Amino acid sequence: MKALSAALERVRAGEPAALKDVSRAAMNYASLLSGHIGKEDDILYPMAMDAIPEARWKVLKAGFDRVEAERLGPKRRAGYVELIDRLAAAYPAPELVRPAGGMCH
């Protein structure tokens, strides 16, 4: 993020050549996030699902649903879902390639 912020500051200061650095830093950050999310999806969440009893998951899910309803409400949530759908259509992401055995062996 520091590299991206610094490159953006250089662009704002009138240095158009810094756009390449913005692009490079943004791609590096996207790669970092992709790896992070992959580890969550393939390692952390499955471990949590195995470690937390189903009855507890139901309590947690009900709590998350309640907080979401209180803080967002259905109309606002629908707006976010619609925004995500529009962004996904406008900027399709390549499919992630992951090892057949998952991220951890």
C-alpha atoms as a PDB file:
ATOM      1  CA  MET A   1       0.000   0.000   0.000  1.00  0.00           C
ATOM      2  CA  LYS A   2       2.897   2.361   0.686  1.00  0.00           C
ATOM      3  CA  ALA A   3       4.169   1.974  -2.875  1.00  0.00           C
ATOM      4  CA  LEU A   4       0.684   2.554  -4.288  1.00  0.00           C
ATOM      5  CA  SER A   5       0.117   5.628  -2.112  1.00  0.00           C
ATOM      6  CA  ALA A   6       3.508   7.065  -3.033  1.00  0.00           C
ATOM      7  CA  ALA A   7       2.920   6.491  -6.746  1.00  0.00           C
ATOM      8  CA  LEU A   8      -0.524   8.105  -6.551  1.00  0.00           C
ATOM      9  CA  GLU A   9       0.983  11.140  -4.817  1.00  0.00           C
ATOM     10  CA  ARG A  10       3.509  11.446  -7.642  1.00  0.00           C
ATOM     11  CA  VAL A  11       0.702  11.319 -10.215  1.00  0.00           C
ATOM     12  CA  ARG A  12      -1.225  13.986  -8.299  1.00  0.00           C
ATOM     13  CA  ALA A  13       1.931  16.102  -8.243  1.00  0.00           C
ATOM     14  CA  GLY A  14       1.953  16.077 -12.038  1.00  0.00           C
ATOM     15  CA  GLU A  15       4.308  13.192 -12.791  1.00  0.00           C
ATOM     16  CA  PRO A  16       2.445  11.197 -15.481  1.00  0.00           C
ATOM     17  CA  ALA A  17       5.251   8.607 -15.726  1.00  0.00           C
ATOM     18  CA  ALA A  18       4.286   7.493 -12.207  1.00  0.00           C
ATOM     19  CA  LEU A  19       1.132   5.912 -13.692  1.00  0.00           C
ATOM     20  CA  LYS A  20       3.239   2.836 -14.501  1.00  0.00           C
ATOM     21  CA  ASP A  21       4.217   2.633 -10.846  1.00  0.00           C
ATOM     22  CA  VAL A  22       0.551   2.973  -9.833  1.00  0.00           C
ATOM     23  CA  SER A  23      -0.335   0.106 -12.146  1.00  0.00           C
ATOM     24  CA  ARG A  24       2.521  -2.077 -10.895  1.00  0.00           C
ATOM     25  CA  ALA A  25       1.744  -1.381  -7.228  1.00  0.00           C
ATOM     26  CA  ALA A  26      -1.980  -2.018  -7.753  1.00  0.00           C
ATOM     27  CA  MET A  27      -1.259  -5.341  -9.471  1.00  0.00           C
ATOM     28  CA  ASN A  28       1.086  -6.352  -6.652  1.00  0.00           C
ATOM     29  CA  TYR A  29      -1.567  -5.486  -4.078  1.00  0.00           C
ATOM     30  CA  ALA A  30      -4.229  -7.408  -6.010  1.00  0.00           C
ATOM     31  CA  SER A  31      -1.916 -10.422  -6.083  1.00  0.00           C
ATOM     32  CA  LEU A  32      -1.322 -10.136  -2.337  1.00  0.00           C
ATOM     33  CA  LEU A  33      -5.075  -9.960  -1.671  1.00  0.00           C
ATOM     34  CA  SER A  34      -5.753 -12.893  -3.975  1.00  0.00           C
ATOM     35  CA  GLY A  35      -3.270 -15.048  -2.069  1.00  0.00           C
ATOM     36  CA  HIS A  36      -4.667 -13.895   1.255  1.00  0.00           C
ATOM     37  CA  ILE A  37      -8.253 -14.636   0.266  1.00  0.00           C
ATOM     38  CA  GLY A  38      -7.202 -18.001  -1.151  1.00  0.00           C
ATOM     39  CA  LYS A  39      -5.627 -18.958   2.171  1.00  0.00           C
ATOM     40  CA  GLU A  40      -8.774 -17.907   4.006  1.00  0.00           C
ATOM     41  CA  ASP A  41     -11.032 -19.856   1.647  1.00  0.00           C
ATOM     42  CA  ASP A  42      -8.866 -22.970   1.377  1.00  0.00           C
ATOM     43  CA  ILE A  43      -7.299 -23.205   4.845  1.00  0.00           C
ATOM     44  CA  LEU A  44      -8.742 -20.953   7.527  1.00  0.00           C
ATOM     45  CA  TYR A  45     -12.470 -21.309   6.871  1.00  0.00           C
ATOM     46  CA  PRO A  46     -12.367 -25.108   6.465  1.00  0.00           C
ATOM     47  CA  MET A  47     -10.381 -25.343   9.722  1.00  0.00           C
ATOM     48  CA  ALA A  48     -12.961 -23.170  11.467  1.00  0.00           C
ATOM     49  CA  MET A  49     -15.818 -25.249  10.062  1.00  0.00           C
ATOM     50  CA  ASP A  50     -14.165 -28.376  11.464  1.00  0.00           C
ATOM     51  CA  ALA A  51     -13.370 -26.821  14.848  1.00  0.00           C
ATOM     52  CA  ILE A  52     -16.666 -25.080  15.650  1.00  0.00           C
ATOM     53  CA  PRO A  53     -19.688 -27.286  16.357  1.00  0.00           C
ATOM     54  CA  GLU A  54     -22.699 -26.904  14.056  1.00  0.00           C
ATOM     55  CA  ALA A  55     -24.928 -25.602  16.861  1.00  0.00           C
ATOM     56  CA  ARG A  56     -22.422 -22.810  17.525  1.00  0.00           C
ATOM     57  CA  TRP A  57     -22.280 -21.962  13.800  1.00  0.00           C
ATOM     58  CA  LYS A  58     -26.050 -21.497  13.814  1.00  0.00           C
ATOM     59  CA  VAL A  59     -25.767 -19.048  16.727  1.00  0.00           C
ATOM     60  CA  LEU A  60     -22.939 -17.158  14.997  1.00  0.00           C
ATOM     61  CA  LYS A  61     -24.841 -17.012  11.697  1.00  0.00           C
ATOM     62  CA  ALA A  62     -27.948 -15.668  13.418  1.00  0.00           C
ATOM     63  CA  GLY A  63     -25.833 -12.990  15.085  1.00  0.00           C
ATOM     64  CA  PHE A  64     -24.167 -11.971  11.813  1.00  0.00           C
ATOM     65  CA  ASP A  65     -27.534 -11.849  10.063  1.00  0.00           C
ATOM     66  CA  ARG A  66     -28.957  -9.662  12.850  1.00  0.00           C
ATOM     67  CA  VAL A  67     -26.048  -7.200  12.732  1.00  0.00           C
ATOM     68  CA  GLU A  68     -26.223  -7.040   8.931  1.00  0.00           C
ATOM     69  CA  ALA A  69     -29.958  -6.345   9.042  1.00  0.00           C
ATOM     70  CA  GLU A  70     -29.550  -3.652  11.723  1.00  0.00           C
ATOM     71  CA  ARG A  71     -26.632  -1.880  10.094  1.00  0.00           C
ATOM     72  CA  LEU A  72     -27.421  -2.284   6.411  1.00  0.00           C
ATOM     73  CA  GLY A  73     -31.031  -3.209   5.974  1.00  0.00           C
ATOM     74  CA  PRO A  74     -32.271  -5.072   2.917  1.00  0.00           C
ATOM     75  CA  LYS A  75     -32.350  -2.080   0.571  1.00  0.00           C
ATOM     76  CA  ARG A  76     -28.762  -1.016   1.260  1.00  0.00           C
ATOM     77  CA  ARG A  77     -27.537  -4.610   1.104  1.00  0.00           C
ATOM     78  CA  ALA A  78     -29.259  -5.055  -2.270  1.00  0.00           C
ATOM     79  CA  GLY A  79     -27.478  -1.920  -3.477  1.00  0.00           C
ATOM     80  CA  TYR A  80     -24.104  -3.403  -2.541  1.00  0.00           C
ATOM     81  CA  VAL A  81     -24.944  -6.691  -4.240  1.00  0.00           C
ATOM     82  CA  GLU A  82     -25.972  -4.811  -7.383  1.00  0.00           C
ATOM     83  CA  LEU A  83     -22.732  -2.786  -7.298  1.00  0.00           C
ATOM     84  CA  ILE A  84     -20.657  -5.964  -7.004  1.00  0.00           C
ATOM     85  CA  ASP A  85     -22.537  -7.499  -9.925  1.00  0.00           C
ATOM     86  CA  ARG A  86     -21.897  -4.398 -12.064  1.00  0.00           C
ATOM     87  CA  LEU A  87     -18.197  -4.314 -11.147  1.00  0.00           C
ATOM     88  CA  ALA A  88     -17.785  -8.033 -11.813  1.00  0.00           C
ATOM     89  CA  ALA A  89     -19.393  -7.611 -15.248  1.00  0.00           C
ATOM     90  CA  ALA A  90     -17.282  -4.553 -16.090  1.00  0.00           C
ATOM     91  CA  TYR A  91     -13.980  -5.944 -14.767  1.00  0.00           C
ATOM     92  CA  PRO A  92     -14.029  -9.715 -15.098  1.00  0.00           C
ATOM     93  CA  ALA A  93     -11.358 -11.393 -13.017  1.00  0.00           C
ATOM     94  CA  PRO A  94      -9.459 -14.386 -14.312  1.00  0.00           C
ATOM     95  CA  GLU A  95     -10.220 -17.688 -12.642  1.00  0.00           C
ATOM     96  CA  LEU A  96      -7.791 -18.452  -9.871  1.00  0.00           C
ATOM     97  CA  VAL A  97      -5.634 -21.494 -10.405  1.00  0.00           C
ATOM     98  CA  ARG A  98      -5.139 -23.447  -7.216  1.00  0.00           C
ATOM     99  CA  PRO A  99      -3.374 -26.753  -6.612  1.00  0.00           C
ATOM    100  CA  ALA A 100      -5.683 -29.773  -6.757  1.00  0.00           C
ATOM    101  CA  GLY A 101      -4.867 -30.659  -3.150  1.00  0.00           C
ATOM    102  CA  GLY A 102      -5.554 -27.154  -1.877  1.00  0.00           C
ATOM    103  CA  MET A 103      -3.050 -24.612  -0.618  1.00  0.00           C
ATOM    104  CA  CYS A 104      -1.729 -26.724   2.222  1.00  0.00           C
ATOM    105  CA  HIS A 105      -0.548 -30.331   2.071  1.00  0.00           C
END
